[in-house]
C-alpha atoms as a PDB file:
ATOM      1  CA  UNK A   1      -6.395  14.244   0.163  1.00  0.00           C
ATOM      2  CA  UNK A   2      -8.981  17.325  -0.244  1.00  0.00           C
ATOM      3  CA  UNK A   3      -7.086  19.132   2.651  1.00  0.00           C
ATOM      4  CA  UNK A   4      -3.311  19.272   2.031  1.00  0.00           C
ATOM      5  CA  UNK A   5      -1.168  19.275   5.099  1.00  0.00           C
ATOM      6  CA  UNK A   6       0.673  22.868   5.845  1.00  0.00           C
ATOM      7  CA  UNK A   7       4.324  22.268   6.842  1.00  0.00           C
ATOM      8  CA  UNK A   8       5.570  25.565   8.640  1.00  0.00           C
ATOM      9  CA  UNK A   9       8.955  25.324  10.381  1.00  0.00           C
ATOM     10  CA  UNK A  10       9.344  27.508  13.558  1.00  0.00           C
ATOM     11  CA  UNK A  11      11.778  28.667  15.687  1.00  0.00           C
ATOM     12  CA  UNK A  12      11.820  28.929  19.518  1.00  0.00           C
ATOM     13  CA  UNK A  13       9.975  31.736  20.247  1.00  0.00           C
ATOM     14  CA  UNK A  14       7.041  30.311  17.915  1.00  0.00           C
ATOM     15  CA  UNK A  15       8.381  32.771  15.141  1.00  0.00           C
ATOM     16  CA  UNK A  16       7.435  31.776  11.654  1.00  0.00           C
ATOM     17  CA  UNK A  17      11.190  31.012  10.012  1.00  0.00           C
ATOM     18  CA  UNK A  18      10.748  31.677   6.367  1.00  0.00           C
ATOM     19  CA  UNK A  19      14.225  30.995   5.106  1.00  0.00           C
ATOM     20  CA  UNK A  20      15.785  27.172   6.133  1.00  0.00           C
ATOM     21  CA  UNK A  21      18.251  25.290   4.775  1.00  0.00           C
ATOM     22  CA  UNK A  22      17.821  21.805   6.743  1.00  0.00           C
ATOM     23  CA  UNK A  23      16.391  18.741   5.812  1.00  0.00           C
ATOM     24  CA  UNK A  24      12.981  18.282   6.523  1.00  0.00           C
ATOM     25  CA  UNK A  25      11.247  15.234   7.188  1.00  0.00           C
ATOM     26  CA  UNK A  26       7.350  15.225   6.832  1.00  0.00           C
ATOM     27  CA  UNK A  27       5.076  11.769   8.567  1.00  0.00           C
ATOM     28  CA  UNK A  28       1.228  12.424   8.374  1.00  0.00           C
ATOM     29  CA  UNK A  29      -0.210  10.575  11.479  1.00  0.00           C
ATOM     30  CA  UNK A  30      -3.525  10.596  10.528  1.00  0.00           C
ATOM     31  CA  UNK A  31      -4.223   7.637  12.731  1.00  0.00           C
ATOM     32  CA  UNK A  32      -4.701   4.712   9.523  1.00  0.00           C
ATOM     33  CA  UNK A  33      -2.071   2.327   8.088  1.00  0.00           C
ATOM     34  CA  UNK A  34       1.021   1.151  10.311  1.00  0.00           C
ATOM     35  CA  UNK A  35       4.473   0.906   9.395  1.00  0.00           C
ATOM     36  CA  UNK A  36       4.594  -2.766   8.280  1.00  0.00           C
ATOM     37  CA  UNK A  37       0.880  -1.674   6.120  1.00  0.00           C
ATOM     38  CA  UNK A  38       2.544   0.994   4.733  1.00  0.00           C
ATOM     39  CA  UNK A  39       6.312  -0.863   3.848  1.00  0.00           C
ATOM     40  CA  UNK A  40       3.966  -3.782   2.116  1.00  0.00           C
ATOM     41  CA  UNK A  41       1.948  -1.693   0.161  1.00  0.00           C
ATOM     42  CA  UNK A  42       5.432   0.775  -0.972  1.00  0.00           C
ATOM     43  CA  UNK A  43       6.762  -2.699  -1.355  1.00  0.00           C
ATOM     44  CA  UNK A  44       4.176  -4.071  -3.766  1.00  0.00           C
ATOM     45  CA  UNK A  45       3.917  -0.466  -5.706  1.00  0.00           C
ATOM     46  CA  UNK A  46       7.572  -0.539  -6.304  1.00  0.00           C
ATOM     47  CA  UNK A  47       7.184  -4.389  -7.578  1.00  0.00           C
ATOM     48  CA  UNK A  48       4.445  -3.381  -9.709  1.00  0.00           C
ATOM     49  CA  UNK A  49       6.353  -0.681 -11.129  1.00  0.00           C
ATOM     50  CA  UNK A  50       9.301  -3.024 -12.017  1.00  0.00           C
ATOM     51  CA  UNK A  51       6.903  -5.335 -13.892  1.00  0.00           C
ATOM     52  CA  UNK A  52       6.105  -2.704 -15.951  1.00  0.00           C
ATOM     53  CA  UNK A  53       9.703  -1.944 -16.653  1.00  0.00           C
ATOM     54  CA  UNK A  54      10.930  -5.380 -17.029  1.00  0.00           C
ATOM     55  CA  UNK A  55       9.933  -6.655 -20.496  1.00  0.00           C
ATOM     56  CA  UNK A  56       8.459 -10.694 -20.504  1.00  0.00           C
ATOM     57  CA  UNK A  57      10.448 -12.909 -21.541  1.00  0.00           C
ATOM     58  CA  UNK A  58      13.812  -9.952 -21.921  1.00  0.00           C
ATOM     59  CA  UNK A  59      15.951  -9.544 -24.328  1.00  0.00           C
ATOM     60  CA  UNK A  60      18.124 -12.387 -23.171  1.00  0.00           C
ATOM     61  CA  UNK A  61      15.142 -14.817 -23.557  1.00  0.00           C
ATOM     62  CA  UNK A  62      14.459 -15.153 -19.777  1.00  0.00           C
ATOM     63  CA  UNK A  63      11.700 -14.153 -17.508  1.00  0.00           C
ATOM     64  CA  UNK A  64      12.940 -14.292 -13.919  1.00  0.00           C
ATOM     65  CA  UNK A  65      13.679 -10.635 -12.993  1.00  0.00           C
ATOM     66  CA  UNK A  66      10.106 -10.017 -14.321  1.00  0.00           C
ATOM     67  CA  UNK A  67       8.351 -12.900 -12.293  1.00  0.00           C
ATOM     68  CA  UNK A  68      10.383 -11.953  -9.703  1.00  0.00           C
ATOM     69  CA  UNK A  69       8.995  -8.579  -9.618  1.00  0.00           C
ATOM     70  CA  UNK A  70       5.120  -9.914 -10.021  1.00  0.00           C
ATOM     71  CA  UNK A  71       6.106 -12.197  -7.544  1.00  0.00           C
ATOM     72  CA  UNK A  72       6.809  -9.655  -4.972  1.00  0.00           C
ATOM     73  CA  UNK A  73       4.233  -7.188  -6.026  1.00  0.00           C
ATOM     74  CA  UNK A  74       1.306  -9.970  -5.952  1.00  0.00           C
ATOM     75  CA  UNK A  75       2.561 -11.530  -2.173  1.00  0.00           C
ATOM     76  CA  UNK A  76       2.939  -7.957  -0.315  1.00  0.00           C
ATOM     77  CA  UNK A  77      -0.419  -6.734  -1.806  1.00  0.00           C
ATOM     78  CA  UNK A  78      -1.984  -9.552  -0.591  1.00  0.00           C
ATOM     79  CA  UNK A  79      -0.656  -9.309   2.894  1.00  0.00           C
ATOM     80  CA  UNK A  80      -0.964  -5.975   3.303  1.00  0.00           C
ATOM     81  CA  UNK A  81      -4.102  -5.490   4.825  1.00  0.00           C
ATOM     82  CA  UNK A  82      -3.827  -7.816   7.349  1.00  0.00           C
ATOM     83  CA  UNK A  83      -0.502  -5.953   8.514  1.00  0.00           C
ATOM     84  CA  UNK A  84      -2.305  -2.361   8.306  1.00  0.00           C
ATOM     85  CA  UNK A  85      -5.252  -3.780  10.415  1.00  0.00           C
ATOM     86  CA  UNK A  86      -6.175  -1.942  13.910  1.00  0.00           C
ATOM     87  CA  UNK A  87      -7.728  -3.853  17.096  1.00  0.00           C
ATOM     88  CA  UNK A  88      -9.337  -0.395  18.209  1.00  0.00           C
ATOM     89  CA  UNK A  89     -12.899  -0.089  18.635  1.00  0.00           C
ATOM     90  CA  UNK A  90     -12.887   3.344  16.476  1.00  0.00           C
ATOM     91  CA  UNK A  91     -10.832   1.730  13.916  1.00  0.00           C
ATOM     92  CA  UNK A  92     -12.908   2.155  10.103  1.00  0.00           C
ATOM     93  CA  UNK A  93     -14.740  -1.467   9.304  1.00  0.00           C
ATOM     94  CA  UNK A  94     -11.891  -2.417   6.442  1.00  0.00           C
ATOM     95  CA  UNK A  95      -9.290  -1.786   8.829  1.00  0.00           C
ATOM     96  CA  UNK A  96     -10.995  -3.834  11.659  1.00  0.00           C
ATOM     97  CA  UNK A  97      -8.399  -7.176  12.376  1.00  0.00           C
ATOM     98  CA  UNK A  98     -11.521 -10.047  11.115  1.00  0.00           C
ATOM     99  CA  UNK A  99     -12.373  -7.948   7.726  1.00  0.00           C
ATOM    100  CA  UNK A 100      -8.792  -7.078   7.154  1.00  0.00           C
ATOM    101  CA  UNK A 101      -7.469 -10.887   7.932  1.00  0.00           C
ATOM    102  CA  UNK A 102     -10.637 -11.817   5.464  1.00  0.00           C
ATOM    103  CA  UNK A 103      -9.531  -9.797   2.656  1.00  0.00           C
ATOM    104  CA  UNK A 104      -6.112 -10.916   3.200  1.00  0.00           C
ATOM    105  CA  UNK A 105      -7.193 -14.926   2.916  1.00  0.00           C
ATOM    106  CA  UNK A 106      -9.456 -13.895  -0.032  1.00  0.00           C
ATOM    107  CA  UNK A 107      -5.881 -11.834  -1.501  1.00  0.00           C
ATOM    108  CA  UNK A 108      -4.009 -14.780  -0.949  1.00  0.00           C
ATOM    109  CA  UNK A 109      -6.164 -17.373  -2.378  1.00  0.00           C
ATOM    110  CA  UNK A 110      -6.590 -15.404  -5.225  1.00  0.00           C
ATOM    111  CA  UNK A 111      -2.578 -15.133  -6.052  1.00  0.00           C
ATOM    112  CA  UNK A 112      -2.990 -19.162  -5.256  1.00  0.00           C
ATOM    113  CA  UNK A 113      -4.878 -20.073  -7.965  1.00  0.00           C
ATOM    114  CA  UNK A 114      -2.991 -17.706 -10.026  1.00  0.00           C
ATOM    115  CA  UNK A 115       0.259 -19.864  -9.080  1.00  0.00           C
ATOM    116  CA  UNK A 116      -1.935 -23.025  -9.582  1.00  0.00           C
ATOM    117  CA  UNK A 117      -2.865 -21.941 -13.591  1.00  0.00           C
ATOM    118  CA  UNK A 118       0.666 -20.658 -13.919  1.00  0.00           C
ATOM    119  CA  UNK A 119       2.432 -23.989 -12.647  1.00  0.00           C
ATOM    120  CA  UNK A 120      -0.067 -26.345 -13.887  1.00  0.00           C
ATOM    121  CA  UNK A 121      -0.337 -24.360 -17.770  1.00  0.00           C
ATOM    122  CA  UNK A 122      -4.216 -24.282 -16.699  1.00  0.00           C
ATOM    123  CA  UNK A 123      -6.294 -22.240 -19.549  1.00  0.00           C
ATOM    124  CA  UNK A 124      -7.153 -19.496 -16.962  1.00  0.00           C
ATOM    125  CA  UNK A 125      -4.042 -17.634 -16.548  1.00  0.00           C
ATOM    126  CA  UNK A 126      -4.961 -14.269 -18.060  1.00  0.00           C
ATOM    127  CA  UNK A 127      -8.204 -14.700 -15.795  1.00  0.00           C
ATOM    128  CA  UNK A 128      -6.493 -15.278 -12.744  1.00  0.00           C
ATOM    129  CA  UNK A 129      -3.862 -12.505 -13.158  1.00  0.00           C
ATOM    130  CA  UNK A 130      -6.442 -10.071 -14.070  1.00  0.00           C
ATOM    131  CA  UNK A 131      -8.916 -11.348 -10.952  1.00  0.00           C
ATOM    132  CA  UNK A 132      -6.044 -11.091  -8.584  1.00  0.00           C
ATOM    133  CA  UNK A 133      -4.455  -7.561  -9.705  1.00  0.00           C
ATOM    134  CA  UNK A 134      -8.308  -6.306  -9.667  1.00  0.00           C
ATOM    135  CA  UNK A 135      -9.082  -7.625  -6.046  1.00  0.00           C
ATOM    136  CA  UNK A 136      -5.716  -6.095  -4.590  1.00  0.00           C
ATOM    137  CA  UNK A 137      -6.293  -3.014  -6.452  1.00  0.00           C
ATOM    138  CA  UNK A 138      -9.558  -2.548  -5.147  1.00  0.00           C
ATOM    139  CA  UNK A 139      -9.325  -3.213  -1.728  1.00  0.00           C
ATOM    140  CA  UNK A 140      -7.265  -0.248  -1.064  1.00  0.00           C
ATOM    141  CA  UNK A 141     -10.524   2.070  -2.684  1.00  0.00           C
ATOM    142  CA  UNK A 142     -12.526  -0.381  -0.027  1.00  0.00           C
ATOM    143  CA  UNK A 143     -10.106   1.305   2.934  1.00  0.00           C
ATOM    144  CA  UNK A 144     -10.061   4.482   1.919  1.00  0.00           C
ATOM    145  CA  UNK A 145     -14.259   4.611   1.742  1.00  0.00           C
ATOM    146  CA  UNK A 146     -14.574   2.904   4.894  1.00  0.00           C
ATOM    147  CA  UNK A 147     -12.381   5.349   6.290  1.00  0.00           C
ATOM    148  CA  UNK A 148     -14.683   8.072   4.634  1.00  0.00           C
ATOM    149  CA  UNK A 149     -18.493   6.535   6.033  1.00  0.00           C
ATOM    150  CA  UNK A 150     -16.662   5.682  10.016  1.00  0.00           C
ATOM    151  CA  UNK A 151     -16.411   9.803  10.140  1.00  0.00           C
ATOM    152  CA  UNK A 152     -12.407   9.615   9.820  1.00  0.00           C
ATOM    153  CA  UNK A 153     -11.821  12.658   7.802  1.00  0.00           C
ATOM    154  CA  UNK A 154      -9.899  14.697   9.656  1.00  0.00           C
ATOM    155  CA  UNK A 155      -7.168  17.210   8.253  1.00  0.00           C
ATOM    156  CA  UNK A 156      -3.601  15.308   8.353  1.00  0.00           C
ATOM    157  CA  UNK A 157      -1.420  16.824  10.900  1.00  0.00           C
ATOM    158  CA  UNK A 158       2.256  17.078  10.014  1.00  0.00           C
ATOM    159  CA  UNK A 159       5.153  16.156  12.253  1.00  0.00           C
ATOM    160  CA  UNK A 160       7.941  18.372  11.399  1.00  0.00           C
ATOM    161  CA  UNK A 161      11.564  17.529  12.372  1.00  0.00           C
ATOM    162  CA  UNK A 162      14.681  19.641  11.423  1.00  0.00           C
ATOM    163  CA  UNK A 163      18.122  17.818  10.855  1.00  0.00           C
ATOM    164  CA  UNK A 164      21.017  20.013   9.900  1.00  0.00           C
END
């Protein structure tokens, strides 16, 4: 983010509070993404991190936890484009329903190809895994570039709520 959000705590009269002890929850209100799209990317990211932490096979000889984490990551990252899609006319190209739906279809087909290779013991397991992972890694870049090209560069507004 080139423009960093500024979070301030103000009292009822609008004065800046310089010493505050309540818990502050900040959410970025940039107009991009949805709770479901954000949730899918978060789940995919955590699952991808778990894939790196869980050896294949594990010391016990099982690959079940690694496989579960990898499956969760691939599925979550394949479906997030359609979950983040918007139908407003001012939405950047990559977040439009048809484009995001097409991206999801392609990502799901790549994951299906990986699954077929894994189940059949096919010769292209490594290739299908790398192609699916690369496509899932590049789609967020396409979304960011689409937002920048469409002029959606306004600085984020921080919504601040305090709880004690």
